[in-house]
Amino acid sequence: MQSQDFSVYAPTDGSATEAWVFVRVIDNFGDVGVGWRLSCLLAELLCLRVRLWIDDLGALDRLVPEHAGYQPQIVVETWQDDEAAMQRQLAAVADPVLVIETFGCDLPSAVQARMTECRPLWLNWEYLTAEDWAVDLHAMPSLQANGLEKYFWFMGVDAASGGLLREADYLAKRTAFQQQVSMQQAFRQQYGLPLQHSGQLWLVFAYASVCWPQWMAMWRQADAPMTLWLAGGQVVDSLRAAQVIAPDALQQDGDVYVLDKLTLVRIPFVPQAAFDRLLWLADAAIVRGEDSFVRALWAGLPFFWHIYRQDDDAHLHKLHAFWNKAMAGWPVGVRGAFMALSDDLNGAGNLDGLRRVEVWQDLYANWQNWVKAAAVWSEMLHAQDSALEKLARFSHLPLK
């Protein structure tokens, strides 16, 4: 399917400059992470004043602790279920030119009533997927009971999809950081990260799983120096529950635990704005959630995606759809070993201990091919229009 220009909406008098973004927090920081990044890009690239309605301010405060002063064009509102309270909030705000409900969250009836009066562009910003059906449905309208049309925005990796969230200066920032050792060391010191590491450096930000004791055994038996920066507590909790590490190990940020040639480091929780620099320091990564997955794509390094599990294994269709496209040009040896381990990580495979080690050694032997393949895929994605560039074209809102 060829990329299309869905130019369906434009402000009539140029006076409407406010966008509303609605977020319900379901998956810890995943939903708020996408909602905040989208809000920032709407403000920065489309020059909109953004009103972010969110039902869990605590999650936002942790992910973006400086949000009150970070982006003055974003106003954060508590999304209240009480209809009278919502009515009072709406009475004090300007009409929006754009309303985005993230991930199918249902808008309050008071908001929809307001929309029937000012008739903004209404988008349902869906979860990222590389499945072909999403490209076919991207930007399609759906007539609602209130007479408004809602358009479905599917982010994805295909040129005809809704694209991915990316800052205009991303590549310049990545290059500057990777070329300046002093900047890297200052970042390590700021967050209490080790100034040195042994062997390959992996960033691991993943969900709790029974696979982690098995993967630690795999890496130990591979007998090559390796350092894991463990972000968040879920992987550590899995290792402690399986008695792979001592009960009092890795309790505090900065704690180190050594298993033969494998060095585990518990790193502090970093705000969203700092996550890219963790990836830029790493040789490879295991990431979870949508926002972290996209940042790993932009970083261009080898990584596994520990995808959020869904009923009936629906997440595996999403996982395979992405990797089948990403690996189209990969060498056969890299592709086979990678997919075996990716499936093993996400509950789709059945590797025994010996086979797991053999597959890892195959992938490790093809390391440079994997590095090159990941970089080439990332460069291809960078060459595509970003989600905000596509949204500007779709909406006729001016792009900065």
Protein backbone atom coordinates (compact mmCIF):
# COMPACT_ATOMS: atom_id res chain seq x y z
CA MET A 1 0.00 0.00 0.00
CA GLN A 2 1.42 3.37 -0.99
CA SER A 3 1.70 6.27 1.44
CA GLN A 4 -1.33 8.54 1.20
CA ASP A 5 -1.97 12.16 2.05
CA PHE A 6 -5.13 12.21 4.15
CA SER A 7 -5.61 16.00 4.29
CA VAL A 8 -9.05 16.09 5.86
CA TYR A 9 -9.02 18.85 8.43
CA ALA A 10 -7.84 22.41 8.81
CA PRO A 11 -8.69 25.13 11.33
CA THR A 12 -11.02 27.65 9.73
CA ASP A 13 -9.84 30.88 11.31
CA GLY A 14 -6.38 30.09 12.66
CA SER A 15 -7.45 30.97 16.21
CA ALA A 16 -7.66 27.48 17.70
CA THR A 17 -4.24 26.45 19.02
CA GLU A 18 -5.03 23.98 21.82
CA ALA A 19 -4.85 20.19 21.72
CA TRP A 20 -6.28 17.81 24.32
CA VAL A 21 -4.60 14.46 24.99
CA PHE A 22 -6.34 11.89 27.22
CA VAL A 23 -4.41 9.10 28.96
CA ARG A 24 -5.54 6.34 31.29
CA VAL A 25 -2.61 4.58 32.94
CA ILE A 26 -2.93 0.81 32.47
CA ASP A 27 0.61 -0.55 32.08
CA ASN A 28 2.55 1.40 34.70
CA PHE A 29 4.68 3.84 32.73
CA GLY A 30 3.93 2.59 29.23
CA ASP A 31 0.76 4.55 28.56
CA VAL A 32 1.88 7.73 30.28
CA GLY A 33 5.25 7.50 28.54
CA VAL A 34 3.67 7.57 25.10
CA GLY A 35 1.13 10.20 26.19
CA TRP A 36 3.78 12.56 27.54
CA ARG A 37 6.11 12.16 24.57
CA LEU A 38 3.22 12.73 22.16
CA SER A 39 2.22 15.84 24.10
CA CYS A 40 5.77 17.21 23.99
CA LEU A 41 6.01 16.70 20.25
CA LEU A 42 2.62 18.32 19.64
CA ALA A 43 3.87 21.36 21.55
CA GLU A 44 7.33 21.46 20.00
CA LEU A 45 6.62 20.55 16.38
CA LEU A 46 3.02 21.66 15.84
CA CYS A 47 3.33 24.66 18.18
CA LEU A 48 0.14 23.72 20.04
CA ARG A 49 -0.76 24.42 23.63
CA VAL A 50 -1.39 20.90 24.95
CA ARG A 51 -3.75 20.00 27.76
CA LEU A 52 -2.81 16.52 28.99
CA TRP A 53 -5.63 14.83 30.89
CA ILE A 54 -4.31 11.90 32.93
CA ASP A 55 -5.87 9.74 35.65
CA ASP A 56 -2.62 8.90 37.50
CA LEU A 57 -0.45 11.91 38.21
CA GLY A 58 1.85 9.78 40.35
CA ALA A 59 3.03 7.79 37.33
CA LEU A 60 3.72 11.01 35.42
CA ASP A 61 5.55 12.58 38.36
CA ARG A 62 7.96 9.66 38.51
CA LEU A 63 8.52 9.36 34.79
CA VAL A 64 8.81 13.11 34.19
CA PRO A 65 9.59 14.65 37.61
CA GLU A 66 10.27 18.04 36.07
CA HIS A 67 7.10 18.14 33.94
CA ALA A 68 5.73 21.25 35.67
CA GLY A 69 8.60 23.33 34.31
CA TYR A 70 9.90 21.14 31.50
CA GLN A 71 7.45 22.18 28.79
CA PRO A 72 5.53 25.39 29.48
CA GLN A 73 3.17 24.70 26.57
CA ILE A 74 1.80 21.61 28.33
CA VAL A 75 -0.83 21.91 31.05
CA VAL A 76 -1.44 18.74 33.05
CA GLU A 77 -5.00 18.15 34.22
CA THR A 78 -6.31 15.44 36.54
CA TRP A 79 -8.78 13.34 34.60
CA GLN A 80 -11.66 13.09 37.05
CA ASP A 81 -14.42 10.55 36.63
CA ASP A 82 -16.88 12.83 38.39
CA GLU A 83 -18.91 14.45 35.61
CA ALA A 84 -19.63 17.65 37.55
CA ALA A 85 -15.92 18.12 38.27
CA MET A 86 -15.10 17.60 34.60
CA GLN A 87 -17.73 20.18 33.64
CA ARG A 88 -16.07 22.74 35.93
CA GLN A 89 -12.66 22.02 34.40
CA LEU A 90 -13.98 22.38 30.86
CA ALA A 91 -15.65 25.69 31.62
CA ALA A 92 -12.24 27.25 32.25
CA VAL A 93 -10.40 26.06 29.13
CA ALA A 94 -10.29 27.03 25.47
CA ASP A 95 -11.76 24.98 22.66
CA PRO A 96 -9.37 22.40 21.19
CA VAL A 97 -8.42 22.12 17.55
CA LEU A 98 -7.33 18.52 18.13
CA VAL A 99 -8.48 15.84 20.61
CA ILE A 100 -6.51 12.62 21.00
CA GLU A 101 -7.70 9.66 23.06
CA THR A 102 -4.77 7.33 23.57
CA PHE A 103 -5.22 3.59 23.22
CA GLY A 104 -8.99 3.61 22.98
CA CYS A 105 -9.73 5.23 26.32
CA ASP A 106 -13.35 6.43 26.32
CA LEU A 107 -13.74 10.20 26.48
CA PRO A 108 -16.04 11.63 29.19
CA SER A 109 -19.50 12.56 27.96
CA ALA A 110 -18.89 16.19 28.93
CA VAL A 111 -15.84 16.28 26.67
CA GLN A 112 -17.74 14.77 23.77
CA ALA A 113 -20.55 17.29 24.25
CA ARG A 114 -18.00 20.10 24.06
CA MET A 115 -16.55 18.57 20.91
CA THR A 116 -19.91 18.62 19.14
CA GLU A 117 -19.85 22.41 19.57
CA CYS A 118 -16.26 23.18 18.48
CA ARG A 119 -15.79 20.13 16.17
CA PRO A 120 -12.06 19.42 16.56
CA LEU A 121 -10.15 16.72 14.73
CA TRP A 122 -10.69 13.57 16.84
CA LEU A 123 -8.07 10.81 16.85
CA ASN A 124 -7.87 7.46 18.59
CA TRP A 125 -4.09 7.06 18.95
CA GLU A 126 -3.68 3.29 18.92
CA TYR A 127 -0.97 0.97 20.19
CA LEU A 128 2.00 0.51 17.90
CA THR A 129 1.85 -2.53 15.64
CA ALA A 130 3.53 -3.76 12.47
CA GLU A 131 0.60 -5.99 11.49
CA ASP A 132 -0.63 -5.42 7.94
CA TRP A 133 -4.27 -4.89 8.91
CA ALA A 134 -3.28 -1.78 10.89
CA VAL A 135 -1.85 -0.13 7.76
CA ASP A 136 -5.13 -0.77 5.97
CA LEU A 137 -7.12 0.84 8.80
CA HIS A 138 -4.76 3.72 9.52
CA ALA A 139 -6.42 7.15 9.31
CA MET A 140 -9.81 5.64 8.49
CA PRO A 141 -12.83 7.54 9.87
CA SER A 142 -15.54 6.12 12.09
CA LEU A 143 -18.83 7.99 12.39
CA GLN A 144 -19.81 8.29 16.06
CA ALA A 145 -23.26 8.49 17.61
CA ASN A 146 -22.77 12.20 18.32
CA GLY A 147 -22.27 12.95 14.62
CA LEU A 148 -18.51 13.44 14.83
CA GLU A 149 -15.98 11.35 12.95
CA LYS A 150 -13.18 9.70 14.87
CA TYR A 151 -10.01 8.75 12.97
CA PHE A 152 -7.82 5.81 13.96
CA TRP A 153 -4.10 6.51 14.08
CA PHE A 154 -1.92 3.40 13.95
CA MET A 155 1.75 4.00 14.56
CA GLY A 156 3.98 1.53 12.77
CA VAL A 157 7.15 0.86 10.80
CA ASP A 158 5.60 0.81 7.33
CA ALA A 159 5.77 3.92 5.18
CA ALA A 160 1.97 3.91 4.90
CA SER A 161 1.44 3.63 8.67
CA GLY A 162 1.08 6.43 11.21
CA GLY A 163 4.84 6.49 11.77
CA LEU A 164 6.80 6.65 15.03
CA LEU A 165 7.32 9.39 17.59
CA ARG A 166 10.69 11.06 17.01
CA GLU A 167 12.21 14.43 17.86
CA ALA A 168 13.55 16.53 15.01
CA ASP A 169 17.01 16.79 16.62
CA TYR A 170 17.30 13.16 17.74
CA LEU A 171 20.20 12.19 15.49
CA ALA A 172 22.20 15.30 16.32
CA LYS A 173 21.85 14.62 20.05
CA ARG A 174 22.75 10.95 19.66
CA THR A 175 25.86 11.77 17.64
CA ALA A 176 27.03 14.45 20.07
CA PHE A 177 26.64 12.13 23.07
CA GLN A 178 28.35 9.15 21.46
CA GLN A 179 31.30 11.25 20.32
CA GLN A 180 31.97 13.05 23.60
CA VAL A 181 33.41 10.89 26.37
CA SER A 182 33.16 13.76 28.83
CA MET A 183 29.41 13.96 28.24
CA GLN A 184 29.09 10.22 28.78
CA GLN A 185 31.06 10.29 32.02
CA ALA A 186 29.07 13.25 33.32
CA PHE A 187 25.86 11.32 32.66
CA ARG A 188 27.19 8.24 34.47
CA GLN A 189 28.14 10.36 37.46
CA GLN A 190 24.79 12.18 37.50
CA TYR A 191 22.88 8.92 37.91
CA GLY A 192 25.41 6.95 39.91
CA LEU A 193 26.24 4.58 37.06
CA PRO A 194 29.54 2.67 37.05
CA LEU A 195 32.27 4.49 35.16
CA GLN A 196 33.65 1.18 33.84
CA HIS A 197 32.21 -2.19 32.89
CA SER A 198 33.42 -5.66 31.94
CA GLY A 199 32.71 -7.14 28.50
CA GLN A 200 29.57 -6.25 26.58
CA LEU A 201 27.27 -3.78 28.30
CA TRP A 202 23.55 -4.65 28.16
CA LEU A 203 20.72 -2.45 29.38
CA VAL A 204 17.92 -4.68 30.69
CA PHE A 205 14.53 -3.04 31.27
CA ALA A 206 12.07 -5.92 31.27
CA TYR A 207 9.11 -7.55 32.98
CA ALA A 208 9.24 -10.21 35.69
CA SER A 209 9.54 -13.67 34.15
CA VAL A 210 10.54 -17.25 34.86
CA CYS A 211 12.96 -16.92 31.94
CA TRP A 212 15.48 -14.77 33.81
CA PRO A 213 17.10 -17.54 35.85
CA GLN A 214 17.40 -19.52 32.61
CA TRP A 215 18.97 -16.60 30.75
CA MET A 216 21.43 -15.96 33.58
CA ALA A 217 22.45 -19.61 33.37
CA MET A 218 22.80 -19.24 29.59
CA TRP A 219 25.09 -16.23 29.87
CA ARG A 220 27.15 -17.81 32.65
CA GLN A 221 27.71 -20.98 30.62
CA ALA A 222 28.67 -18.91 27.57
CA ASP A 223 31.71 -17.95 29.65
CA ALA A 224 32.30 -14.47 28.19
CA PRO A 225 32.56 -11.25 30.23
CA MET A 226 29.26 -9.38 30.26
CA THR A 227 27.69 -6.58 32.31
CA LEU A 228 23.94 -6.18 32.77
CA TRP A 229 22.53 -2.84 33.89
CA LEU A 230 19.23 -3.84 35.49
CA ALA A 231 16.66 -1.04 35.30
CA GLY A 232 13.56 -1.35 37.45
CA GLY A 233 13.08 -4.07 40.02
CA GLN A 234 11.18 -6.79 38.18
CA VAL A 235 14.15 -8.73 36.79
CA VAL A 236 15.90 -8.52 40.16
CA ASP A 237 12.75 -9.79 41.89
CA SER A 238 12.58 -12.74 39.47
CA LEU A 239 16.20 -13.66 40.20
CA ARG A 240 15.69 -13.37 43.95
CA ALA A 241 12.53 -15.50 43.85
CA ALA A 242 14.44 -18.23 41.99
CA GLN A 243 17.36 -17.95 44.46
CA VAL A 244 19.77 -17.08 41.66
CA ILE A 245 20.99 -14.18 43.80
CA ALA A 246 21.16 -13.85 47.55
CA PRO A 247 18.11 -12.45 49.39
CA ASP A 248 19.97 -9.27 50.31
CA ALA A 249 21.59 -8.78 46.88
CA LEU A 250 20.84 -5.87 44.53
CA GLN A 251 18.57 -4.16 47.05
CA GLN A 252 19.84 -0.63 46.44
CA ASP A 253 20.66 1.40 43.36
CA GLY A 254 24.32 0.92 42.53
CA ASP A 255 24.56 -2.54 44.12
CA VAL A 256 26.68 -5.05 42.17
CA TYR A 257 26.42 -8.84 42.11
CA VAL A 258 28.90 -11.08 40.28
CA LEU A 259 28.07 -14.51 38.86
CA ASP A 260 31.29 -15.88 37.36
CA LYS A 261 31.98 -13.55 34.38
CA LEU A 262 28.51 -12.03 34.53
CA THR A 263 28.24 -8.73 36.41
CA LEU A 264 24.80 -7.52 37.48
CA VAL A 265 24.34 -3.86 38.40
CA ARG A 266 21.10 -2.41 39.75
CA ILE A 267 20.79 1.05 38.25
CA PRO A 268 18.48 3.85 39.40
CA PHE A 269 15.18 4.71 37.78
CA VAL A 270 15.86 7.49 35.30
CA PRO A 271 13.31 9.96 33.95
CA GLN A 272 12.06 9.51 30.42
CA ALA A 273 14.32 12.26 29.09
CA ALA A 274 17.42 10.32 30.23
CA PHE A 275 16.48 6.89 28.88
CA ASP A 276 17.94 7.54 25.43
CA ARG A 277 21.38 8.12 26.94
CA LEU A 278 21.25 4.76 28.70
CA LEU A 279 20.68 3.14 25.31
CA TRP A 280 23.44 5.20 23.70
CA LEU A 281 25.91 3.89 26.30
CA ALA A 282 24.92 0.24 25.86
CA ASP A 283 26.17 -2.33 23.36
CA ALA A 284 22.75 -4.02 23.33
CA ALA A 285 19.48 -4.01 25.25
CA ILE A 286 16.37 -5.84 26.33
CA VAL A 287 13.46 -3.42 26.53
CA ARG A 288 9.81 -3.59 27.45
CA GLY A 289 6.78 -1.47 26.61
CA GLU A 290 6.07 0.69 23.59
CA ASP A 291 8.01 3.87 24.30
CA SER A 292 11.22 2.04 25.27
CA PHE A 293 10.88 -0.21 22.23
CA VAL A 294 10.71 2.79 19.88
CA ARG A 295 13.70 4.43 21.59
CA ALA A 296 15.70 1.24 21.05
CA LEU A 297 14.78 1.39 17.36
CA TRP A 298 16.04 4.95 17.13
CA ALA A 299 19.25 4.07 18.99
CA GLY A 300 20.07 1.53 16.29
CA LEU A 301 21.59 -1.07 18.59
CA PRO A 302 20.90 -4.82 18.82
CA PHE A 303 18.01 -5.52 21.18
CA PHE A 304 15.29 -7.91 22.24
CA TRP A 305 11.71 -6.76 22.87
CA HIS A 306 10.16 -8.22 26.03
CA ILE A 307 6.61 -7.55 24.93
CA TYR A 308 3.66 -7.14 27.29
CA ARG A 309 1.80 -10.45 27.49
CA GLN A 310 -1.84 -10.57 26.38
CA ASP A 311 -4.60 -13.15 26.63
CA ASP A 312 -4.61 -15.92 24.01
CA ASP A 313 -1.01 -15.00 23.15
CA ALA A 314 -2.20 -12.08 21.01
CA HIS A 315 1.09 -10.33 21.81
CA LEU A 316 3.00 -12.95 19.81
CA HIS A 317 1.29 -11.93 16.57
CA LYS A 318 2.39 -8.36 17.23
CA LEU A 319 5.92 -9.48 18.13
CA HIS A 320 6.34 -11.67 15.06
CA ALA A 321 4.83 -9.09 12.70
CA PHE A 322 7.49 -6.59 13.70
CA TRP A 323 10.50 -8.89 13.65
CA ASN A 324 9.47 -10.53 10.36
CA LYS A 325 9.70 -7.09 8.75
CA ALA A 326 12.79 -5.96 10.63
CA MET A 327 14.73 -9.14 9.81
CA ALA A 328 13.91 -9.26 6.11
CA GLY A 329 17.49 -8.38 5.16
CA TRP A 330 19.31 -10.05 8.04
CA PRO A 331 21.84 -12.85 7.44
CA VAL A 332 20.26 -16.25 7.91
CA GLY A 333 22.48 -17.18 10.85
CA VAL A 334 21.56 -14.05 12.78
CA ARG A 335 17.86 -14.35 11.97
CA GLY A 336 17.47 -17.94 13.11
CA ALA A 337 19.36 -17.56 16.38
CA PHE A 338 17.71 -14.25 17.21
CA MET A 339 14.16 -15.50 16.67
CA ALA A 340 14.76 -18.62 18.74
CA LEU A 341 15.88 -16.48 21.68
CA SER A 342 13.20 -13.84 21.14
CA ASP A 343 10.51 -16.52 21.24
CA ASP A 344 12.15 -18.08 24.29
CA LEU A 345 12.11 -14.71 26.07
CA ASN A 346 8.45 -14.11 25.25
CA GLY A 347 7.03 -17.55 26.01
CA ALA A 348 6.69 -18.74 22.42
CA GLY A 349 9.60 -21.17 22.34
CA ASN A 350 10.70 -24.23 24.24
CA LEU A 351 14.49 -24.22 24.42
CA ASP A 352 16.18 -26.53 26.90
CA GLY A 353 19.26 -25.32 28.75
CA LEU A 354 21.82 -26.81 26.37
CA ARG A 355 20.04 -25.61 23.24
CA ARG A 356 19.62 -22.12 24.69
CA VAL A 357 23.37 -21.83 25.22
CA GLU A 358 24.08 -23.10 21.69
CA VAL A 359 21.69 -20.57 20.16
CA TRP A 360 23.20 -17.73 22.18
CA GLN A 361 26.69 -18.73 21.08
CA ASP A 362 25.52 -18.74 17.45
CA LEU A 363 24.15 -15.23 17.86
CA TYR A 364 27.28 -14.08 19.69
CA ALA A 365 29.47 -15.48 16.91
CA ASN A 366 27.49 -13.34 14.45
CA TRP A 367 27.66 -10.24 16.65
CA GLN A 368 28.98 -7.81 14.08
CA ASN A 369 26.39 -8.93 11.54
CA TRP A 370 23.69 -8.30 14.15
CA VAL A 371 25.10 -4.87 14.93
CA LYS A 372 25.15 -3.95 11.25
CA ALA A 373 21.64 -5.30 10.61
CA ALA A 374 20.19 -3.34 13.55
CA ALA A 375 21.87 -0.14 12.38
CA VAL A 376 20.63 -0.53 8.80
CA TRP A 377 17.03 -1.09 9.97
CA SER A 378 17.23 1.95 12.23
CA GLU A 379 18.58 4.12 9.41
CA MET A 380 15.69 3.04 7.20
CA LEU A 381 13.18 4.06 9.87
CA HIS A 382 14.94 7.40 10.37
CA ALA A 383 14.53 8.06 6.65
CA GLN A 384 10.73 7.79 6.96
CA ASP A 385 8.51 10.67 8.02
CA SER A 386 7.85 10.71 11.75
CA ALA A 387 4.37 10.41 13.25
CA LEU A 388 4.18 14.18 13.78
CA GLU A 389 5.22 14.93 10.21
CA LYS A 390 2.45 12.63 9.01
CA LEU A 391 -0.04 14.15 11.44
CA ALA A 392 0.78 17.67 10.24
CA ARG A 393 0.11 16.61 6.66
CA PHE A 394 -3.08 14.81 7.65
CA SER A 395 -4.51 17.67 9.70
CA HIS A 396 -3.17 20.71 7.83
CA LEU A 397 -1.76 21.95 11.11
CA PRO A 398 1.55 23.77 10.48
CA LEU A 399 4.75 21.86 11.24
CA LYS A 400 7.55 23.84 12.84
